[in-house]
Amino acid sequence: MPIESPLLAGITQSMKHLTERQRVIAQNIANSETAGFKAQEVEKPDFSSLLGKQGVPHVERPRVRVTSGMVALGVPPTTDNRVVADSNVSETKPDGNNVTLEDQLLKMGEVRTDFTTMTNLYRKQMGLIQAAIGR
């Protein structure tokens, strides 16, 4: 029987977000010399759904879905609504590429620190659960 806890659900959601963010940062680094490539970032997760399970009203930020009509008018199609253009870039190269390796490496360090924190929280929560059931 799986143990369901709002804290464990939040940790799981955060770890999935960090995994996706690490993938996008690695993609940015891999394309740092590609002409015209624009750095991308992953939107922060919406943890308000976890509050909704606790009886707190859920208010969601509106999302724009790209339709075929919008694509016909020139809006670029998106495959994943969580991956967005990175608005926090420090420079743009003459070829249009705005990926700065230093910025990406700083973000990778943030991901590592946050992932370590989430892993430690998970480990401590599991230790408390095991202590509670007498193992």
Protein backbone atom coordinates (compact mmCIF):
# COMPACT_ATOMS: atom_id res chain seq x y z
CA MET A 1 0.00 0.00 0.00
CA PRO A 2 1.59 3.31 -1.04
CA ILE A 3 1.96 6.02 1.57
CA GLU A 4 0.31 9.25 0.46
CA SER A 5 1.39 12.45 2.13
CA PRO A 6 1.09 16.05 0.93
CA LEU A 7 4.74 16.57 1.85
CA LEU A 8 5.87 13.54 -0.17
CA ALA A 9 3.68 14.64 -3.10
CA GLY A 10 5.27 18.10 -2.98
CA ILE A 11 8.77 16.62 -2.84
CA THR A 12 7.98 14.34 -5.79
CA GLN A 13 6.57 17.21 -7.84
CA SER A 14 9.61 19.34 -7.01
CA MET A 15 12.05 16.58 -8.00
CA LYS A 16 10.24 16.09 -11.33
CA HIS A 17 10.47 19.84 -11.95
CA LEU A 18 14.19 19.83 -11.15
CA THR A 19 14.77 16.89 -13.50
CA GLU A 20 13.01 18.72 -16.35
CA ARG A 21 14.89 21.94 -15.54
CA GLN A 22 18.22 20.09 -15.65
CA ARG A 23 17.30 18.64 -19.07
CA VAL A 24 16.46 22.11 -20.45
CA ILE A 25 19.68 23.62 -19.05
CA ALA A 26 21.70 20.80 -20.64
CA GLN A 27 19.93 21.50 -23.93
CA ASN A 28 20.83 25.20 -23.59
CA ILE A 29 24.48 24.32 -22.98
CA ALA A 30 24.52 21.92 -25.94
CA ASN A 31 23.19 24.69 -28.20
CA SER A 32 25.40 27.48 -26.84
CA GLU A 33 27.13 27.83 -30.21
CA THR A 34 24.04 27.34 -32.41
CA ALA A 35 23.26 30.54 -34.31
CA GLY A 36 19.90 32.04 -33.34
CA PHE A 37 19.23 29.61 -30.48
CA LYS A 38 17.34 31.20 -27.59
CA ALA A 39 17.87 30.02 -24.03
CA GLN A 40 14.91 28.28 -22.45
CA GLU A 41 13.75 27.81 -18.88
CA VAL A 42 11.10 25.68 -17.16
CA GLU A 43 8.18 27.40 -15.46
CA LYS A 44 8.08 26.95 -11.72
CA PRO A 45 5.61 24.26 -10.63
CA ASP A 46 2.19 25.23 -9.34
CA PHE A 47 1.99 23.86 -5.81
CA SER A 48 -1.49 25.31 -5.24
CA SER A 49 -2.99 21.97 -6.34
CA LEU A 50 -1.49 20.44 -3.19
CA LEU A 51 -3.28 23.11 -1.13
CA GLY A 52 -6.55 22.26 -2.87
CA LYS A 53 -6.33 18.75 -1.43
CA GLN A 54 -6.15 20.31 2.04
CA GLY A 55 -9.39 22.30 1.57
CA VAL A 56 -7.74 25.57 0.52
CA PRO A 57 -9.41 27.06 -2.59
CA HIS A 58 -7.44 26.48 -5.79
CA VAL A 59 -6.79 29.43 -8.07
CA GLU A 60 -4.89 28.62 -11.25
CA ARG A 61 -2.96 30.99 -13.46
CA PRO A 62 -4.55 31.19 -16.90
CA ARG A 63 -2.66 29.43 -19.70
CA VAL A 64 -2.75 30.20 -23.38
CA ARG A 65 -2.93 27.12 -25.58
CA VAL A 66 -1.56 27.57 -29.10
CA THR A 67 -4.21 26.56 -31.63
CA SER A 68 -3.75 25.70 -35.31
CA GLY A 69 -5.24 29.09 -36.21
CA MET A 70 -2.64 30.85 -34.07
CA VAL A 71 0.12 28.81 -35.73
CA ALA A 72 -1.25 29.87 -39.14
CA LEU A 73 -0.88 33.51 -38.04
CA GLY A 74 2.79 32.97 -37.17
CA VAL A 75 2.77 31.98 -33.49
CA PRO A 76 5.41 29.27 -32.95
CA PRO A 77 3.88 25.95 -31.90
CA THR A 78 4.81 24.68 -28.46
CA THR A 79 5.27 21.07 -27.50
CA ASP A 80 5.48 21.62 -23.75
CA ASN A 81 3.77 24.55 -22.02
CA ARG A 82 6.18 24.36 -19.10
CA VAL A 83 9.25 25.22 -21.19
CA VAL A 84 9.37 28.94 -21.92
CA ALA A 85 11.88 31.43 -23.25
CA ASP A 86 14.41 32.43 -20.60
CA SER A 87 13.81 36.07 -19.73
CA ASN A 88 16.87 36.29 -17.48
CA VAL A 89 19.74 36.38 -19.99
CA SER A 90 22.83 38.51 -19.57
CA GLU A 91 23.90 38.95 -23.19
CA THR A 92 23.02 38.17 -26.79
CA LYS A 93 25.72 37.26 -29.28
CA PRO A 94 25.84 38.87 -32.76
CA ASP A 95 24.47 35.64 -34.28
CA GLY A 96 21.31 35.92 -32.14
CA ASN A 97 22.22 33.21 -29.64
CA ASN A 98 21.58 34.35 -26.06
CA VAL A 99 22.94 31.34 -24.15
CA THR A 100 25.68 32.30 -21.70
CA LEU A 101 27.56 29.32 -20.29
CA GLU A 102 28.22 31.05 -16.97
CA ASP A 103 24.49 31.67 -16.44
CA GLN A 104 23.65 28.08 -17.36
CA LEU A 105 26.30 26.67 -15.01
CA LEU A 106 24.95 28.81 -12.16
CA LYS A 107 21.47 27.44 -12.86
CA MET A 108 22.86 23.90 -12.93
CA GLY A 109 24.37 24.53 -9.48
CA GLU A 110 20.98 25.73 -8.22
CA VAL A 111 19.36 22.56 -9.53
CA ARG A 112 21.98 20.41 -7.80
CA THR A 113 21.50 22.23 -4.48
CA ASP A 114 17.71 22.05 -4.68
CA PHE A 115 17.78 18.37 -5.65
CA THR A 116 20.07 17.58 -2.71
CA THR A 117 17.68 19.45 -0.41
CA MET A 118 14.67 17.54 -1.73
CA THR A 119 16.53 14.23 -1.40
CA ASN A 120 17.39 15.01 2.23
CA LEU A 121 13.78 16.01 2.99
CA TYR A 122 12.53 12.79 1.41
CA ARG A 123 15.04 10.69 3.36
CA LYS A 124 14.07 12.36 6.67
CA GLN A 125 10.33 12.01 5.97
CA MET A 126 10.76 8.32 5.19
CA GLY A 127 12.79 7.90 8.39
CA LEU A 128 9.95 9.47 10.40
CA ILE A 129 7.39 7.21 8.74
CA GLN A 130 9.52 4.13 9.46
CA ALA A 131 9.96 5.21 13.08
CA ALA A 132 6.20 5.72 13.38
CA ILE A 133 5.42 2.21 12.16
CA GLY A 134 8.16 0.71 14.33
CA ARG A 135 10.80 -0.35 11.85
